[in-house]
Protein backbone atom coordinates (compact mmCIF):
# COMPACT_ATOMS: atom_id res chain seq x y z
CA ASN A 1 98.02 92.55 90.39
CA ASN A 2 95.93 91.64 93.43
CA PHE A 3 98.94 91.75 95.76
CA ALA A 4 99.87 95.16 94.41
CA LEU A 5 96.35 96.44 95.02
CA CYS A 6 96.48 95.09 98.57
CA ALA A 7 99.72 97.02 99.06
CA LEU A 8 97.93 100.14 97.83
CA TYR A 9 95.04 99.65 100.25
CA THR A 10 97.53 99.36 103.13
CA CYS A 11 99.12 102.70 102.17
CA ARG A 12 102.17 101.18 100.48
CA MET A 13 101.67 102.77 97.07
CA ARG A 14 105.33 102.72 95.99
CA GLU A 15 105.49 99.01 96.79
CA ALA A 16 102.35 98.44 94.73
CA ILE A 17 103.94 100.25 91.77
CA THR A 18 107.20 98.33 92.17
CA LEU A 19 105.34 95.00 92.21
CA MET A 20 103.36 95.77 89.07
CA GLU A 21 106.41 97.08 87.22
CA ALA A 22 108.34 93.94 88.23
CA LEU A 23 105.64 91.74 86.70
CA ILE A 24 105.83 93.65 83.44
CA ARG A 25 109.64 93.44 83.38
CA GLU A 26 109.46 89.70 84.07
CA ASP A 27 107.22 88.91 81.10
CA PRO A 28 105.63 91.83 79.21
CA THR A 29 103.64 89.63 76.85
CA ARG A 30 102.03 87.84 79.78
CA TYR A 31 101.55 90.61 82.31
CA LEU A 32 101.07 93.75 80.26
CA THR A 33 97.30 93.53 80.09
CA HIS A 34 94.56 96.16 79.99
CA CYS A 35 93.80 95.66 83.68
CA ILE A 36 97.40 95.96 84.87
CA VAL A 37 98.10 98.92 82.59
CA PHE A 38 94.99 100.78 83.77
CA ASN A 39 95.75 100.11 87.45
CA LEU A 40 99.42 101.01 87.10
CA CYS A 41 98.63 104.25 85.26
CA THR A 42 96.16 105.14 88.01
CA LEU A 43 98.91 104.57 90.58
CA TYR A 44 101.24 106.79 88.57
CA GLU A 45 98.62 109.55 88.69
CA LEU A 46 98.27 109.18 92.45
CA GLY A 47 101.99 108.99 93.16
CA TRP A 48 103.60 111.63 90.96
CA ASP A 49 102.97 115.04 89.50
CA ASN A 50 101.39 115.24 86.04
CA ALA A 51 104.68 115.54 84.12
CA MET A 52 106.29 112.50 85.74
CA SER A 53 103.07 110.50 85.60
CA ASP A 54 102.69 111.19 81.87
CA LYS A 55 106.33 110.26 81.25
CA LYS A 56 105.91 106.92 83.03
CA LYS A 57 102.69 106.20 81.15
CA GLN A 58 104.37 107.01 77.81
CA VAL A 59 107.21 104.60 78.60
CA LEU A 60 104.64 101.93 79.44
CA GLN A 61 102.90 102.64 76.13
CA LEU A 62 106.20 102.25 74.27
CA VAL A 63 106.79 98.87 75.93
CA ALA A 64 103.33 97.74 74.80
CA LYS A 65 104.10 98.85 71.24
CA ARG A 66 107.53 97.17 71.34
CA PHE A 67 105.91 93.84 72.19
CA SER A 68 103.07 94.39 69.68
CA LEU A 69 100.39 94.28 72.35
CA HIS A 70 97.60 95.74 70.22
CA ASP A 71 94.80 94.53 72.48
CA ILE A 72 95.60 97.29 74.99
CA GLY A 73 93.65 100.36 73.97
CA ALA A 74 94.97 103.90 74.26
CA GLU A 75 92.37 104.61 76.95
CA SER A 76 94.15 102.13 79.24
CA PHE A 77 97.13 104.46 79.51
CA ARG A 78 94.99 107.35 80.77
CA LEU A 79 96.96 109.92 78.78
CA ASN A 80 95.29 113.27 78.21
């Protein structure tokens, strides 16, 4: 998460997104946390138009549901 945010601050947003998504793919139950979800959804908003951003956030929400990660609130996904 910190490395991804450093990538963002050095204008490498796509790399930041790729790093965070890779963590989630590696171990969703470990890395799919409120903080990572919120930061990743913010990056989606910055990097894509509203339709694509919402689609990516919905997929992330489905992954959280699939792994029964109930401690991540709906507000973390920043869906309107």
